[in-house]
Amino acid sequence: MKTEELFFIVRIELNTDHENINDTLQEMEKQSRFLMTDTPHVKVINSEILTTKTRTQKN
């Protein structure tokens, strides 16, 4: 087997009770899950989620 590195871009739209986007991000980082599993021909060696925050522009 050879080792490959893949990059996934994931966009998540959500509703939140938090007033501050930092609180939303912190809660998601600590309590939410994103799962990548092995397949018959692929074994997941390592993964990490890189987070960033964007703000919805106010009109």
C-alpha atoms as a PDB file:
ATOM      1  CA  MET A   1       0.000   0.000   0.000  1.00  0.00           C
ATOM      2  CA  LYS A   2       1.182   3.526  -0.691  1.00  0.00           C
ATOM      3  CA  THR A   3       0.486   6.530   1.518  1.00  0.00           C
ATOM      4  CA  GLU A   4      -1.529   9.392   0.063  1.00  0.00           C
ATOM      5  CA  GLU A   5      -2.644  12.687   1.574  1.00  0.00           C
ATOM      6  CA  LEU A   6      -6.103  14.037   0.745  1.00  0.00           C
ATOM      7  CA  PHE A   7      -7.645  17.377   1.636  1.00  0.00           C
ATOM      8  CA  PHE A   8     -11.380  17.761   2.125  1.00  0.00           C
ATOM      9  CA  ILE A   9     -13.121  21.112   2.263  1.00  0.00           C
ATOM     10  CA  VAL A  10     -16.266  20.955   4.347  1.00  0.00           C
ATOM     11  CA  ARG A  11     -18.778  23.747   4.782  1.00  0.00           C
ATOM     12  CA  ILE A  12     -21.168  23.512   7.715  1.00  0.00           C
ATOM     13  CA  GLU A  13     -24.176  25.772   8.068  1.00  0.00           C
ATOM     14  CA  LEU A  14     -25.735  25.721  11.516  1.00  0.00           C
ATOM     15  CA  ASN A  15     -28.094  27.416  13.908  1.00  0.00           C
ATOM     16  CA  THR A  16     -26.698  28.328  17.302  1.00  0.00           C
ATOM     17  CA  ASP A  17     -27.874  29.751  20.608  1.00  0.00           C
ATOM     18  CA  HIS A  18     -24.473  31.360  21.166  1.00  0.00           C
ATOM     19  CA  GLU A  19     -24.138  35.089  20.639  1.00  0.00           C
ATOM     20  CA  ASN A  20     -20.430  34.810  19.876  1.00  0.00           C
ATOM     21  CA  ILE A  21     -19.020  32.765  16.993  1.00  0.00           C
ATOM     22  CA  ASN A  22     -15.991  31.876  19.131  1.00  0.00           C
ATOM     23  CA  ASP A  23     -18.268  30.105  21.623  1.00  0.00           C
ATOM     24  CA  THR A  24     -19.945  28.200  18.806  1.00  0.00           C
ATOM     25  CA  LEU A  25     -16.611  27.124  17.365  1.00  0.00           C
ATOM     26  CA  GLN A  26     -15.255  26.117  20.760  1.00  0.00           C
ATOM     27  CA  GLU A  27     -18.302  23.989  21.515  1.00  0.00           C
ATOM     28  CA  MET A  28     -18.150  22.296  18.121  1.00  0.00           C
ATOM     29  CA  GLU A  29     -14.438  21.537  18.520  1.00  0.00           C
ATOM     30  CA  LYS A  30     -14.973  19.964  21.943  1.00  0.00           C
ATOM     31  CA  GLN A  31     -18.258  18.120  21.526  1.00  0.00           C
ATOM     32  CA  SER A  32     -18.911  17.414  17.860  1.00  0.00           C
ATOM     33  CA  ARG A  33     -17.602  14.552  15.714  1.00  0.00           C
ATOM     34  CA  PHE A  34     -16.510  14.161  12.142  1.00  0.00           C
ATOM     35  CA  LEU A  35     -15.772  10.568  11.259  1.00  0.00           C
ATOM     36  CA  MET A  36     -13.639   9.070   8.499  1.00  0.00           C
ATOM     37  CA  THR A  37     -13.538   5.285   8.514  1.00  0.00           C
ATOM     38  CA  ASP A  38     -11.459   2.629   6.811  1.00  0.00           C
ATOM     39  CA  THR A  39     -12.780   0.999   3.657  1.00  0.00           C
ATOM     40  CA  PRO A  40     -11.831  -2.357   2.147  1.00  0.00           C
ATOM     41  CA  HIS A  41      -8.985  -0.764   0.157  1.00  0.00           C
ATOM     42  CA  VAL A  42      -8.165   2.307   2.253  1.00  0.00           C
ATOM     43  CA  LYS A  43      -6.904   2.503   5.828  1.00  0.00           C
ATOM     44  CA  VAL A  44      -7.151   5.904   7.529  1.00  0.00           C
ATOM     45  CA  ILE A  45      -3.813   6.560   9.239  1.00  0.00           C
ATOM     46  CA  ASN A  46      -4.413  10.001  10.692  1.00  0.00           C
ATOM     47  CA  SER A  47      -6.831  12.889  10.336  1.00  0.00           C
ATOM     48  CA  GLU A  48      -7.321  16.335  11.774  1.00  0.00           C
ATOM     49  CA  ILE A  49      -9.917  19.023  11.405  1.00  0.00           C
ATOM     50  CA  LEU A  50      -8.677  22.527  10.717  1.00  0.00           C
ATOM     51  CA  THR A  51     -11.257  25.074  11.777  1.00  0.00           C
ATOM     52  CA  THR A  52     -11.794  28.629  10.750  1.00  0.00           C
ATOM     53  CA  LYS A  53     -14.557  31.085  11.356  1.00  0.00           C
ATOM     54  CA  THR A  54     -16.350  33.391   8.979  1.00  0.00           C
ATOM     55  CA  ARG A  55     -18.991  35.918   9.784  1.00  0.00           C
ATOM     56  CA  THR A  56     -22.194  36.456   7.902  1.00  0.00           C
ATOM     57  CA  GLN A  57     -22.169  39.985   6.577  1.00  0.00           C
ATOM     58  CA  LYS A  58     -24.900  42.191   7.964  1.00  0.00           C
ATOM     59  CA  ASN A  59     -26.973  44.075   5.416  1.00  0.00           C
END
